[in-house]
PDB file of N, CA and C in Angstrom:
ATOM      1  N   MET A   1      83.118  96.573 110.712  1.00  0.00           N
ATOM      2  CA  MET A   1      84.552  96.622 110.917  1.00  0.00           C
ATOM      3  C   MET A   1      85.280  96.505 109.586  1.00  0.00           C
ATOM      4  N   SER A   2      84.858  95.596 108.752  1.00  0.00           N
ATOM      5  CA  SER A   2      85.481  95.395 107.459  1.00  0.00           C
ATOM      6  C   SER A   2      85.318  96.619 106.567  1.00  0.00           C
ATOM      7  N   LEU A   3      84.149  97.221 106.627  1.00  0.00           N
ATOM      8  CA  LEU A   3      83.897  98.417 105.829  1.00  0.00           C
ATOM      9  C   LEU A   3      84.753  99.580 106.309  1.00  0.00           C
ATOM     10  N   HIS A   4      84.934  99.664 107.619  1.00  0.00           N
ATOM     11  CA  HIS A   4      85.754 100.729 108.179  1.00  0.00           C
ATOM     12  C   HIS A   4      87.213 100.594 107.712  1.00  0.00           C
ATOM     13  N   LEU A   5      87.749  99.379 107.715  1.00  0.00           N
ATOM     14  CA  LEU A   5      89.115  99.163 107.241  1.00  0.00           C
ATOM     15  C   LEU A   5      89.248  99.452 105.752  1.00  0.00           C
ATOM     16  N   MET A   6      88.230  99.114 105.012  1.00  0.00           N
ATOM     17  CA  MET A   6      88.274  99.362 103.575  1.00  0.00           C
ATOM     18  C   MET A   6      88.258 100.862 103.285  1.00  0.00           C
ATOM     19  N   THR A   7      87.437 101.618 103.997  1.00  0.00           N
ATOM     20  CA  THR A   7      87.418 103.067 103.772  1.00  0.00           C
ATOM     21  C   THR A   7      88.721 103.696 104.248  1.00  0.00           C
ATOM     22  N   LEU A   8      89.301 103.172 105.318  1.00  0.00           N
ATOM     23  CA  LEU A   8      90.588 103.678 105.780  1.00  0.00           C
ATOM     24  C   LEU A   8      91.670 103.425 104.738  1.00  0.00           C
ATOM     25  N   PHE A   9      91.641 102.252 104.127  1.00  0.00           N
ATOM     26  CA  PHE A   9      92.635 101.934 103.109  1.00  0.00           C
ATOM     27  C   PHE A   9      92.469 102.809 101.870  1.00  0.00           C
ATOM     28  N   THR A  10      91.240 103.047 101.466  1.00  0.00           N
ATOM     29  CA  THR A  10      91.029 103.870 100.278  1.00  0.00           C
ATOM     30  C   THR A  10      91.326 105.341 100.562  1.00  0.00           C
ATOM     31  N   ALA A  11      91.160 105.774 101.803  1.00  0.00           N
ATOM     32  CA  ALA A  11      91.426 107.171 102.142  1.00  0.00           C
ATOM     33  C   ALA A  11      92.922 107.438 102.312  1.00  0.00           C
ATOM     34  N   HIS A  12      93.645 106.508 102.906  1.00  0.00           N
ATOM     35  CA  HIS A  12      95.070 106.708 103.192  1.00  0.00           C
ATOM     36  C   HIS A  12      95.878 105.458 102.832  1.00  0.00           C
ATOM     37  N   PRO A  13      96.030 105.140 101.570  1.00  0.00           N
ATOM     38  CA  PRO A  13      96.743 103.893 101.235  1.00  0.00           C
ATOM     39  C   PRO A  13      98.232 103.943 101.580  1.00  0.00           C
ATOM     40  N   ALA A  14      98.860 105.108 101.421  1.00  0.00           N
ATOM     41  CA  ALA A  14     100.300 105.188 101.685  1.00  0.00           C
ATOM     42  C   ALA A  14     100.595 104.992 103.168  1.00  0.00           C
ATOM     43  N   LYS A  15      99.740 105.490 104.044  1.00  0.00           N
ATOM     44  CA  LYS A  15      99.967 105.326 105.476  1.00  0.00           C
ATOM     45  C   LYS A  15      99.865 103.864 105.885  1.00  0.00           C
ATOM     46  N   LEU A  16      98.909 103.167 105.329  1.00  0.00           N
ATOM     47  CA  LEU A  16      98.776 101.754 105.674  1.00  0.00           C
ATOM     48  C   LEU A  16      99.916 100.918 105.101  1.00  0.00           C
ATOM     49  N   ILE A  17     100.390 101.277 103.934  1.00  0.00           N
ATOM     50  CA  ILE A  17     101.537 100.552 103.366  1.00  0.00           C
ATOM     51  C   ILE A  17     102.790 100.834 104.189  1.00  0.00           C
ATOM     52  N   ASN A  18     102.932 102.072 104.674  1.00  0.00           N
ATOM     53  CA  ASN A  18     104.059 102.387 105.555  1.00  0.00           C
ATOM     54  C   ASN A  18     103.936 101.655 106.885  1.00  0.00           C
ATOM     55  N   LEU A  19     102.723 101.458 107.366  1.00  0.00           N
ATOM     56  CA  LEU A  19     102.526 100.672 108.580  1.00  0.00           C
ATOM     57  C   LEU A  19     102.984  99.236 108.355  1.00  0.00           C
ATOM     58  N   LEU A  20     102.690  98.698 107.197  1.00  0.00           N
ATOM     59  CA  LEU A  20     103.168  97.359 106.861  1.00  0.00           C
ATOM     60  C   LEU A  20     104.697  97.327 106.820  1.00  0.00           C
ATOM     61  N   ALA A  21     105.304  98.368 106.260  1.00  0.00           N
ATOM     62  CA  ALA A  21     106.766  98.441 106.237  1.00  0.00           C
ATOM     63  C   ALA A  21     107.330  98.504 107.648  1.00  0.00           C
ATOM     64  N   LEU A  22     106.659  99.228 108.522  1.00  0.00           N
ATOM     65  CA  LEU A  22     107.101  99.313 109.908  1.00  0.00           C
ATOM     66  C   LEU A  22     106.979  97.963 110.603  1.00  0.00           C
ATOM     67  N   LEU A  23     105.955  97.207 110.265  1.00  0.00           N
ATOM     68  CA  LEU A  23     105.791  95.884 110.851  1.00  0.00           C
ATOM     69  C   LEU A  23     106.871  94.906 110.376  1.00  0.00           C
ATOM     70  N   PHE A  24     107.481  95.172 109.241  1.00  0.00           N
ATOM     71  CA  PHE A  24     108.634  94.376 108.791  1.00  0.00           C
ATOM     72  C   PHE A  24     109.932  94.887 109.414  1.00  0.00           C
ATOM     73  N   ALA A  25     110.060  96.201 109.557  1.00  0.00           N
ATOM     74  CA  ALA A  25     111.323  96.794 109.996  1.00  0.00           C
ATOM     75  C   ALA A  25     111.600  96.567 111.476  1.00  0.00           C
ATOM     76  N   CYS A  26     110.593  96.684 112.309  1.00  0.00           N
ATOM     77  CA  CYS A  26     110.828  96.559 113.755  1.00  0.00           C
ATOM     78  C   CYS A  26     111.343  95.175 114.157  1.00  0.00           C
ATOM     79  N   PRO A  27     110.719  94.091 113.743  1.00  0.00           N
ATOM     80  CA  PRO A  27     111.282  92.783 114.112  1.00  0.00           C
ATOM     81  C   PRO A  27     112.655  92.534 113.479  1.00  0.00           C
ATOM     82  N   GLY A  28     112.859  93.020 112.257  1.00  0.00           N
ATOM     83  CA  GLY A  28     114.165  92.846 111.619  1.00  0.00           C
ATOM     84  C   GLY A  28     115.262  93.586 112.361  1.00  0.00           C
ATOM     85  N   GLY A  29     114.988  94.807 112.756  1.00  0.00           N
ATOM     86  CA  GLY A  29     115.973  95.583 113.516  1.00  0.00           C
ATOM     87  C   GLY A  29     116.238  94.977 114.880  1.00  0.00           C
ATOM     88  N   TRP A  30     115.172  94.513 115.535  1.00  0.00           N
ATOM     89  CA  TRP A  30     115.347  93.879 116.836  1.00  0.00           C
ATOM     90  C   TRP A  30     116.176  92.603 116.707  1.00  0.00           C
ATOM     91  N   LEU A  31     115.940  91.831 115.658  1.00  0.00           N
ATOM     92  CA  LEU A  31     116.682  90.591 115.451  1.00  0.00           C
ATOM     93  C   LEU A  31     118.163  90.869 115.218  1.00  0.00           C
ATOM     94  N   LEU A  32     118.471  91.899 114.445  1.00  0.00           N
ATOM     95  CA  LEU A  32     119.873  92.264 114.232  1.00  0.00           C
ATOM     96  C   LEU A  32     120.528  92.714 115.533  1.00  0.00           C
ATOM     97  N   HIS A  33     119.818  93.521 116.301  1.00  0.00           N
ATOM     98  CA  HIS A  33     120.360  94.008 117.568  1.00  0.00           C
ATOM     99  C   HIS A  33     120.588  92.864 118.553  1.00  0.00           C
ATOM    100  N   ALA A  34     119.605  91.983 118.680  1.00  0.00           N
ATOM    101  CA  ALA A  34     119.723  90.868 119.617  1.00  0.00           C
ATOM    102  C   ALA A  34     120.838  89.904 119.212  1.00  0.00           C
ATOM    103  N   THR A  35     120.978  89.666 117.930  1.00  0.00           N
ATOM    104  CA  THR A  35     122.036  88.774 117.453  1.00  0.00           C
ATOM    105  C   THR A  35     123.415  89.370 117.719  1.00  0.00           C
ATOM    106  N   ARG A  36     123.557  90.651 117.481  1.00  0.00           N
ATOM    107  CA  ARG A  36     124.849  91.306 117.719  1.00  0.00           C
ATOM    108  C   ARG A  36     125.211  91.292 119.201  1.00  0.00           C
ATOM    109  N   ARG A  37     124.223  91.548 120.065  1.00  0.00           N
ATOM    110  CA  ARG A  37     124.500  91.521 121.507  1.00  0.00           C
ATOM    111  C   ARG A  37     124.859  90.120 121.964  1.00  0.00           C
ATOM    112  N   ARG A  38     124.161  89.092 121.457  1.00  0.00           N
ATOM    113  CA  ARG A  38     124.468  87.719 121.831  1.00  0.00           C
ATOM    114  C   ARG A  38     125.869  87.343 121.360  1.00  0.00           C
ATOM    115  N   GLU A  39     126.236  87.787 120.168  1.00  0.00           N
ATOM    116  CA  GLU A  39     127.564  87.499 119.642  1.00  0.00           C
ATOM    117  C   GLU A  39     128.649  88.182 120.475  1.00  0.00           C
ATOM    118  N   GLN A  40     128.417  89.425 120.871  1.00  0.00           N
ATOM    119  CA  GLN A  40     129.400  90.132 121.695  1.00  0.00           C
ATOM    120  C   GLN A  40     129.555  89.487 123.068  1.00  0.00           C
ATOM    121  N   ARG A  41     128.433  89.050 123.665  1.00  0.00           N
ATOM    122  CA  ARG A  41     128.509  88.386 124.966  1.00  0.00           C
ATOM    123  C   ARG A  41     129.285  87.080 124.869  1.00  0.00           C
ATOM    124  N   ALA A  42     129.061  86.320 123.808  1.00  0.00           N
ATOM    125  CA  ALA A  42     129.765  85.051 123.638  1.00  0.00           C
ATOM    126  C   ALA A  42     131.257  85.279 123.423  1.00  0.00           C
ATOM    127  N   MET A  43     131.593  86.300 122.625  1.00  0.00           N
ATOM    128  CA  MET A  43     133.012  86.586 122.399  1.00  0.00           C
ATOM    129  C   MET A  43     133.690  87.080 123.677  1.00  0.00           C
ATOM    130  N   ALA A  44     133.000  87.873 124.482  1.00  0.00           N
ATOM    131  CA  ALA A  44     133.574  88.336 125.748  1.00  0.00           C
ATOM    132  C   ALA A  44     133.796  87.169 126.698  1.00  0.00           C
ATOM    133  N   SER A  45     132.870  86.233 126.690  1.00  0.00           N
ATOM    134  CA  SER A  45     133.022  85.053 127.536  1.00  0.00           C
ATOM    135  C   SER A  45     134.209  84.210 127.081  1.00  0.00           C
ATOM    136  N   LEU A  46     134.361  84.057 125.773  1.00  0.00           N
ATOM    137  CA  LEU A  46     135.492  83.279 125.251  1.00  0.00           C
ATOM    138  C   LEU A  46     136.815  83.980 125.533  1.00  0.00           C
ATOM    139  N   GLU A  47     136.831  85.306 125.430  1.00  0.00           N
ATOM    140  CA  GLU A  47     138.069  86.038 125.717  1.00  0.00           C
ATOM    141  C   GLU A  47     138.440  85.926 127.187  1.00  0.00           C
ATOM    142  N   ALA A  48     137.446  85.950 128.077  1.00  0.00           N
ATOM    143  CA  ALA A  48     137.723  85.807 129.503  1.00  0.00           C
ATOM    144  C   ALA A  48     138.284  84.421 129.802  1.00  0.00           C
ATOM    145  N   GLN A  49     137.751  83.403 129.124  1.00  0.00           N
ATOM    146  CA  GLN A  49     138.271  82.054 129.324  1.00  0.00           C
ATOM    147  C   GLN A  49     139.679  81.920 128.771  1.00  0.00           C
ATOM    148  N   SER A  50     139.967  82.550 127.637  1.00  0.00           N
ATOM    149  CA  SER A  50     141.291  82.403 127.034  1.00  0.00           C
ATOM    150  C   SER A  50     142.340  83.207 127.787  1.00  0.00           C
ATOM    151  N   GLN A  51     141.955  84.258 128.491  1.00  0.00           N
ATOM    152  CA  GLN A  51     142.927  85.029 129.269  1.00  0.00           C
ATOM    153  C   GLN A  51     143.375  84.273 130.510  1.00  0.00           C
ATOM    154  N   SER A  52     142.511  83.410 131.017  1.00  0.00           N
ATOM    155  CA  SER A  52     142.897  82.627 132.189  1.00  0.00           C
ATOM    156  C   SER A  52     143.827  81.470 131.807  1.00  0.00           C
ATOM    157  N   ARG A  53     143.931  81.192 130.522  1.00  0.00           N
ATOM    158  CA  ARG A  53     144.818  80.113 130.056  1.00  0.00           C
ATOM    159  C   ARG A  53     146.157  80.704 129.624  1.00  0.00           C
ATOM    160  N   ARG A  54     147.054  79.831 129.229  1.00  0.00           N
ATOM    161  CA  ARG A  54     148.368  80.287 128.761  1.00  0.00           C
ATOM    162  C   ARG A  54     148.226  81.028 127.438  1.00  0.00           C
ATOM    163  N   ILE A  55     149.182  81.891 127.144  1.00  0.00           N
ATOM    164  CA  ILE A  55     149.156  82.707 125.928  1.00  0.00           C
ATOM    165  C   ILE A  55     149.356  81.854 124.682  1.00  0.00           C
ATOM    166  N   ASP A  56     150.151  80.806 124.751  1.00  0.00           N
ATOM    167  CA  ASP A  56     150.485  80.058 123.540  1.00  0.00           C
ATOM    168  C   ASP A  56     149.396  79.084 123.110  1.00  0.00           C
ATOM    169  N   GLU A  57     148.298  78.968 123.870  1.00  0.00           N
ATOM    170  CA  GLU A  57     147.202  78.112 123.419  1.00  0.00           C
ATOM    171  C   GLU A  57     146.421  78.816 122.315  1.00  0.00           C
ATOM    172  N   PRO A  58     145.871  78.057 121.380  1.00  0.00           N
ATOM    173  CA  PRO A  58     145.091  78.702 120.314  1.00  0.00           C
ATOM    174  C   PRO A  58     143.826  79.359 120.869  1.00  0.00           C
ATOM    175  N   MET A  59     143.409  80.399 120.210  1.00  0.00           N
ATOM    176  CA  MET A  59     142.214  81.123 120.640  1.00  0.00           C
ATOM    177  C   MET A  59     140.977  80.257 120.429  1.00  0.00           C
ATOM    178  N   LEU A  60     140.071  80.317 121.377  1.00  0.00           N
ATOM    179  CA  LEU A  60     138.833  79.545 121.274  1.00  0.00           C
ATOM    180  C   LEU A  60     137.861  80.264 120.355  1.00  0.00           C
ATOM    181  N   PHE A  61     137.211  79.508 119.511  1.00  0.00           N
ATOM    182  CA  PHE A  61     136.228  80.088 118.598  1.00  0.00           C
ATOM    183  C   PHE A  61     134.848  79.544 118.929  1.00  0.00           C
ATOM    184  N   LEU A  62     133.858  80.223 118.418  1.00  0.00           N
ATOM    185  CA  LEU A  62     132.483  79.745 118.568  1.00  0.00           C
ATOM    186  C   LEU A  62     132.316  78.478 117.755  1.00  0.00           C
ATOM    187  N   ASP A  63     131.446  77.600 118.210  1.00  0.00           N
ATOM    188  CA  ASP A  63     131.226  76.370 117.461  1.00  0.00           C
ATOM    189  C   ASP A  63     130.477  76.658 116.169  1.00  0.00           C
ATOM    190  N   GLY A  64     130.487  75.714 115.270  1.00  0.00           N
ATOM    191  CA  GLY A  64     129.915  75.896 113.938  1.00  0.00           C
ATOM    192  C   GLY A  64     128.426  76.169 113.936  1.00  0.00           C
ATOM    193  N   ALA A  65     127.694  75.514 114.838  1.00  0.00           N
ATOM    194  CA  ALA A  65     126.244  75.713 114.884  1.00  0.00           C
ATOM    195  C   ALA A  65     125.898  77.144 115.293  1.00  0.00           C
ATOM    196  N   THR A  66     126.638  77.695 116.225  1.00  0.00           N
ATOM    197  CA  THR A  66     126.378  79.072 116.667  1.00  0.00           C
ATOM    198  C   THR A  66     126.706  80.062 115.558  1.00  0.00           C
ATOM    199  N   VAL A  67     127.766  79.822 114.844  1.00  0.00           N
ATOM    200  CA  VAL A  67     128.135  80.713 113.736  1.00  0.00           C
ATOM    201  C   VAL A  67     127.074  80.659 112.641  1.00  0.00           C
ATOM    202  N   ARG A  68     126.597  79.457 112.311  1.00  0.00           N
ATOM    203  CA  ARG A  68     125.542  79.331 111.301  1.00  0.00           C
ATOM    204  C   ARG A  68     124.250  79.999 111.750  1.00  0.00           C
ATOM    205  N   MET A  69     123.903  79.856 113.028  1.00  0.00           N
ATOM    206  CA  MET A  69     122.694  80.467 113.550  1.00  0.00           C
ATOM    207  C   MET A  69     122.803  81.992 113.496  1.00  0.00           C
ATOM    208  N   ASN A  70     123.943  82.531 113.888  1.00  0.00           N
ATOM    209  CA  ASN A  70     124.139  83.980 113.822  1.00  0.00           C
ATOM    210  C   ASN A  70     124.078  84.477 112.380  1.00  0.00           C
ATOM    211  N   ARG A  71     124.686  83.736 111.475  1.00  0.00           N
ATOM    212  CA  ARG A  71     124.664  84.124 110.064  1.00  0.00           C
ATOM    213  C   ARG A  71     123.232  84.125 109.514  1.00  0.00           C
ATOM    214  N   PHE A  72     122.447  83.110 109.896  1.00  0.00           N
ATOM    215  CA  PHE A  72     121.054  83.053 109.467  1.00  0.00           C
ATOM    216  C   PHE A  72     120.263  84.230 110.031  1.00  0.00           C
ATOM    217  N   PHE A  73     120.446  84.521 111.317  1.00  0.00           N
ATOM    218  CA  PHE A  73     119.711  85.624 111.923  1.00  0.00           C
ATOM    219  C   PHE A  73     120.105  86.962 111.311  1.00  0.00           C
ATOM    220  N   TYR A  74     121.394  87.139 111.011  1.00  0.00           N
ATOM    221  CA  TYR A  74     121.822  88.369 110.338  1.00  0.00           C
ATOM    222  C   TYR A  74     121.172  88.495 108.959  1.00  0.00           C
ATOM    223  N   SER A  75     121.205  87.416 108.188  1.00  0.00           N
ATOM    224  CA  SER A  75     120.626  87.496 106.840  1.00  0.00           C
ATOM    225  C   SER A  75     119.115  87.682 106.895  1.00  0.00           C
ATOM    226  N   PHE A  76     118.428  87.033 107.833  1.00  0.00           N
ATOM    227  CA  PHE A  76     116.987  87.205 107.958  1.00  0.00           C
ATOM    228  C   PHE A  76     116.645  88.621 108.421  1.00  0.00           C
ATOM    229  N   GLY A  77     117.415  89.168 109.352  1.00  0.00           N
ATOM    230  CA  GLY A  77     117.183  90.542 109.814  1.00  0.00           C
ATOM    231  C   GLY A  77     117.387  91.553 108.706  1.00  0.00           C
ATOM    232  N   PHE A  78     118.467  91.391 107.938  1.00  0.00           N
ATOM    233  CA  PHE A  78     118.701  92.308 106.823  1.00  0.00           C
ATOM    234  C   PHE A  78     117.655  92.131 105.725  1.00  0.00           C
ATOM    235  N   ALA A  79     117.167  90.898 105.524  1.00  0.00           N
ATOM    236  CA  ALA A  79     116.099  90.683 104.543  1.00  0.00           C
ATOM    237  C   ALA A  79     114.817  91.392 104.985  1.00  0.00           C
ATOM    238  N   CYS A  80     114.518  91.344 106.279  1.00  0.00           N
ATOM    239  CA  CYS A  80     113.338  92.064 106.793  1.00  0.00           C
ATOM    240  C   CYS A  80     113.487  93.564 106.575  1.00  0.00           C
ATOM    241  N   LEU A  81     114.674  94.110 106.859  1.00  0.00           N
ATOM    242  CA  LEU A  81     114.885  95.542 106.653  1.00  0.00           C
ATOM    243  C   LEU A  81     114.833  95.907 105.175  1.00  0.00           C
ATOM    244  N   GLY A  82     115.367  95.037 104.322  1.00  0.00           N
ATOM    245  CA  GLY A  82     115.294  95.287 102.888  1.00  0.00           C
ATOM    246  C   GLY A  82     113.865  95.243 102.377  1.00  0.00           C
ATOM    247  N   LEU A  83     113.093  94.300 102.872  1.00  0.00           N
ATOM    248  CA  LEU A  83     111.687  94.218 102.486  1.00  0.00           C
ATOM    249  C   LEU A  83     110.926  95.441 102.983  1.00  0.00           C
ATOM    250  N   ALA A  84     111.234  95.901 104.189  1.00  0.00           N
ATOM    251  CA  ALA A  84     110.590  97.106 104.712  1.00  0.00           C
ATOM    252  C   ALA A  84     110.934  98.319 103.862  1.00  0.00           C
ATOM    253  N   LEU A  85     112.189  98.410 103.428  1.00  0.00           N
ATOM    254  CA  LEU A  85     112.591  99.517 102.562  1.00  0.00           C
ATOM    255  C   LEU A  85     111.862  99.453 101.231  1.00  0.00           C
ATOM    256  N   LEU A  86     111.739  98.265 100.676  1.00  0.00           N
ATOM    257  CA  LEU A  86     111.030  98.098  99.422  1.00  0.00           C
ATOM    258  C   LEU A  86     109.544  98.468  99.543  1.00  0.00           C
ATOM    259  N   VAL A  87     108.912  97.996 100.613  1.00  0.00           N
ATOM    260  CA  VAL A  87     107.507  98.315 100.824  1.00  0.00           C
ATOM    261  C   VAL A  87     107.305  99.807 101.051  1.00  0.00           C
ATOM    262  N   SER A  88     108.225 100.419 101.803  1.00  0.00           N
ATOM    263  CA  SER A  88     108.138 101.859 102.023  1.00  0.00           C
ATOM    264  C   SER A  88     108.335 102.636 100.718  1.00  0.00           C
ATOM    265  N   TRP A  89     109.245 102.160  99.893  1.00  0.00           N
ATOM    266  CA  TRP A  89     109.460 102.814  98.598  1.00  0.00           C
ATOM    267  C   TRP A  89     108.218 102.685  97.723  1.00  0.00           C
ATOM    268  N   ILE A  90     107.573 101.523  97.787  1.00  0.00           N
ATOM    269  CA  ILE A  90     106.339 101.322  97.024  1.00  0.00           C
ATOM    270  C   ILE A  90     105.250 102.285  97.492  1.00  0.00           C
ATOM    271  N   SER A  91     105.228 102.577  98.793  1.00  0.00           N
ATOM    272  CA  SER A  91     104.200 103.482  99.303  1.00  0.00           C
ATOM    273  C   SER A  91     104.362 104.894  98.762  1.00  0.00           C
ATOM    274  N   THR A  92     105.571 105.274  98.365  1.00  0.00           N
ATOM    275  CA  THR A  92     105.751 106.604  97.779  1.00  0.00           C
ATOM    276  C   THR A  92     105.213 106.664  96.352  1.00  0.00           C
ATOM    277  N   ARG A  93     105.057 105.509  95.721  1.00  0.00           N
ATOM    278  CA  ARG A  93     104.566 105.442  94.353  1.00  0.00           C
ATOM    279  C   ARG A  93     103.046 105.392  94.294  1.00  0.00           C
ATOM    280  N   VAL A  94     102.403 105.118  95.428  1.00  0.00           N
ATOM    281  CA  VAL A  94     100.938 105.004  95.452  1.00  0.00           C
ATOM    282  C   VAL A  94     100.297 106.358  95.550  1.00  0.00           C
TER     283      VAL A  94
END
């Protein structure tokens, strides 16, 4: 098995490096998508709650922990996509 993987790597190094880039890109893209959908659902819920209240009340915002969590997930997702782009670019140089 080990010999088979080694011959595969020596025969097609760019394909395997692109596979590694894909393994970084898919979770990063999914994380960005899931975070955006969760953020939209939370904002829709807050807007529905604020519409049932009087107009002159201040708008409800997400709590600080949720904002920090979303910011972390966005930065981690973009870092995964950036790393995938870098790895894919490296595969063109091999």
